[in-house]
């Protein structure tokens, strides 16, 4: 099971299962859901989606982050530059 939420606290007890997403702010150019759909299609085709998701987001390191919103934004940039392994 994977959990998608813009509040990391929603899956804080299950970080490897979590998929952080930026909140929708009304911007008509927002592409988060299309990125999410593409990501889910890829990760769910892998033998172990939870392990692959955990490696892609590395959320266990989030506990050391002082600004979670910045962490999520950096992950979004990183995911646009690379693909799931």
C-alpha atoms as a PDB file:
ATOM      1  CA  UNK A   1       0.000   0.000   0.000  1.00  0.00           C
ATOM      2  CA  UNK A   2       1.224   3.483  -0.879  1.00  0.00           C
ATOM      3  CA  UNK A   3      -0.093   6.657   0.744  1.00  0.00           C
ATOM      4  CA  UNK A   4      -0.296   9.976  -1.133  1.00  0.00           C
ATOM      5  CA  UNK A   5      -0.689  13.169   0.875  1.00  0.00           C
ATOM      6  CA  UNK A   6       0.586  16.728   1.001  1.00  0.00           C
ATOM      7  CA  UNK A   7       1.016  16.365   4.764  1.00  0.00           C
ATOM      8  CA  UNK A   8       3.882  14.013   5.569  1.00  0.00           C
ATOM      9  CA  UNK A   9       2.470  13.576   9.049  1.00  0.00           C
ATOM     10  CA  UNK A  10      -0.360  11.581   7.481  1.00  0.00           C
ATOM     11  CA  UNK A  11       2.045   8.739   6.778  1.00  0.00           C
ATOM     12  CA  UNK A  12       4.697   9.560   9.361  1.00  0.00           C
ATOM     13  CA  UNK A  13       4.483   6.110  10.920  1.00  0.00           C
ATOM     14  CA  UNK A  14       4.839   4.475   7.499  1.00  0.00           C
ATOM     15  CA  UNK A  15       7.410   6.647   5.731  1.00  0.00           C
ATOM     16  CA  UNK A  16       8.482   3.974   3.206  1.00  0.00           C
ATOM     17  CA  UNK A  17       4.863   3.865   1.982  1.00  0.00           C
ATOM     18  CA  UNK A  18       4.525   7.631   1.662  1.00  0.00           C
ATOM     19  CA  UNK A  19       4.368   9.688  -1.498  1.00  0.00           C
ATOM     20  CA  UNK A  20       4.534  13.397  -0.693  1.00  0.00           C
ATOM     21  CA  UNK A  21       2.796  15.771  -3.048  1.00  0.00           C
ATOM     22  CA  UNK A  22       2.677  19.547  -3.112  1.00  0.00           C
ATOM     23  CA  UNK A  23      -0.711  21.016  -2.203  1.00  0.00           C
ATOM     24  CA  UNK A  24      -2.908  22.331  -5.000  1.00  0.00           C
ATOM     25  CA  UNK A  25      -2.960  26.105  -4.847  1.00  0.00           C
ATOM     26  CA  UNK A  26      -5.339  26.798  -7.717  1.00  0.00           C
ATOM     27  CA  UNK A  27      -2.632  27.222 -10.353  1.00  0.00           C
ATOM     28  CA  UNK A  28      -4.017  26.046 -13.704  1.00  0.00           C
ATOM     29  CA  UNK A  29      -0.493  25.002 -14.720  1.00  0.00           C
ATOM     30  CA  UNK A  30      -0.137  22.662 -11.745  1.00  0.00           C
ATOM     31  CA  UNK A  31       1.150  19.269 -12.982  1.00  0.00           C
ATOM     32  CA  UNK A  32       1.441  17.396  -9.673  1.00  0.00           C
ATOM     33  CA  UNK A  33      -1.341  14.905 -10.426  1.00  0.00           C
ATOM     34  CA  UNK A  34       0.015  14.097 -13.875  1.00  0.00           C
ATOM     35  CA  UNK A  35       3.480  13.547 -12.355  1.00  0.00           C
ATOM     36  CA  UNK A  36       1.888  11.408  -9.650  1.00  0.00           C
ATOM     37  CA  UNK A  37       0.018   9.297 -12.206  1.00  0.00           C
ATOM     38  CA  UNK A  38       3.213   8.706 -14.190  1.00  0.00           C
ATOM     39  CA  UNK A  39       5.127   7.843 -11.016  1.00  0.00           C
ATOM     40  CA  UNK A  40       2.450   5.428  -9.782  1.00  0.00           C
ATOM     41  CA  UNK A  41       2.327   3.668 -13.129  1.00  0.00           C
ATOM     42  CA  UNK A  42       6.087   3.108 -12.967  1.00  0.00           C
ATOM     43  CA  UNK A  43       6.420   2.173  -9.299  1.00  0.00           C
ATOM     44  CA  UNK A  44       3.430  -0.179  -9.316  1.00  0.00           C
ATOM     45  CA  UNK A  45       4.935  -2.103 -12.210  1.00  0.00           C
ATOM     46  CA  UNK A  46       8.011  -2.967 -10.130  1.00  0.00           C
ATOM     47  CA  UNK A  47       8.351  -6.182  -8.071  1.00  0.00           C
ATOM     48  CA  UNK A  48       8.364  -4.353  -4.718  1.00  0.00           C
ATOM     49  CA  UNK A  49       6.593  -0.981  -5.017  1.00  0.00           C
ATOM     50  CA  UNK A  50       7.069  -0.055  -1.349  1.00  0.00           C
ATOM     51  CA  UNK A  51      10.836  -0.659  -1.407  1.00  0.00           C
ATOM     52  CA  UNK A  52      11.151   1.218  -4.702  1.00  0.00           C
ATOM     53  CA  UNK A  53       9.081   4.077  -3.310  1.00  0.00           C
ATOM     54  CA  UNK A  54      11.199   4.190  -0.155  1.00  0.00           C
ATOM     55  CA  UNK A  55      14.354   4.429  -2.276  1.00  0.00           C
ATOM     56  CA  UNK A  56      12.856   7.096  -4.550  1.00  0.00           C
ATOM     57  CA  UNK A  57      11.807   9.454  -1.758  1.00  0.00           C
ATOM     58  CA  UNK A  58      14.208   8.538   1.054  1.00  0.00           C
ATOM     59  CA  UNK A  59      11.694   9.907   3.550  1.00  0.00           C
ATOM     60  CA  UNK A  60      13.470   8.399   6.525  1.00  0.00           C
ATOM     61  CA  UNK A  61      15.891  11.308   6.150  1.00  0.00           C
ATOM     62  CA  UNK A  62      12.977  13.739   6.422  1.00  0.00           C
ATOM     63  CA  UNK A  63      13.199  13.542  10.208  1.00  0.00           C
ATOM     64  CA  UNK A  64      16.450  15.513   9.981  1.00  0.00           C
ATOM     65  CA  UNK A  65      14.943  18.200   7.731  1.00  0.00           C
ATOM     66  CA  UNK A  66      14.081  21.557   9.264  1.00  0.00           C
ATOM     67  CA  UNK A  67      11.713  22.625   6.456  1.00  0.00           C
ATOM     68  CA  UNK A  68       9.485  19.801   5.148  1.00  0.00           C
ATOM     69  CA  UNK A  69       7.960  21.970   2.396  1.00  0.00           C
ATOM     70  CA  UNK A  70      11.443  22.682   1.016  1.00  0.00           C
ATOM     71  CA  UNK A  71      12.254  18.959   1.229  1.00  0.00           C
ATOM     72  CA  UNK A  72       9.168  18.090  -0.845  1.00  0.00           C
ATOM     73  CA  UNK A  73       9.964  20.793  -3.410  1.00  0.00           C
ATOM     74  CA  UNK A  74      13.513  19.479  -3.770  1.00  0.00           C
ATOM     75  CA  UNK A  75      12.160  15.936  -4.218  1.00  0.00           C
ATOM     76  CA  UNK A  76       9.853  17.204  -6.958  1.00  0.00           C
ATOM     77  CA  UNK A  77      12.800  18.780  -8.795  1.00  0.00           C
ATOM     78  CA  UNK A  78      14.906  15.645  -8.311  1.00  0.00           C
ATOM     79  CA  UNK A  79      12.141  13.356  -9.611  1.00  0.00           C
ATOM     80  CA  UNK A  80      11.762  15.455 -12.743  1.00  0.00           C
ATOM     81  CA  UNK A  81      15.467  15.022 -13.446  1.00  0.00           C
ATOM     82  CA  UNK A  82      15.653  11.270 -12.891  1.00  0.00           C
ATOM     83  CA  UNK A  83      13.590   8.148 -13.285  1.00  0.00           C
ATOM     84  CA  UNK A  84      12.798   5.283 -10.929  1.00  0.00           C
ATOM     85  CA  UNK A  85      15.389   2.530 -10.910  1.00  0.00           C
END
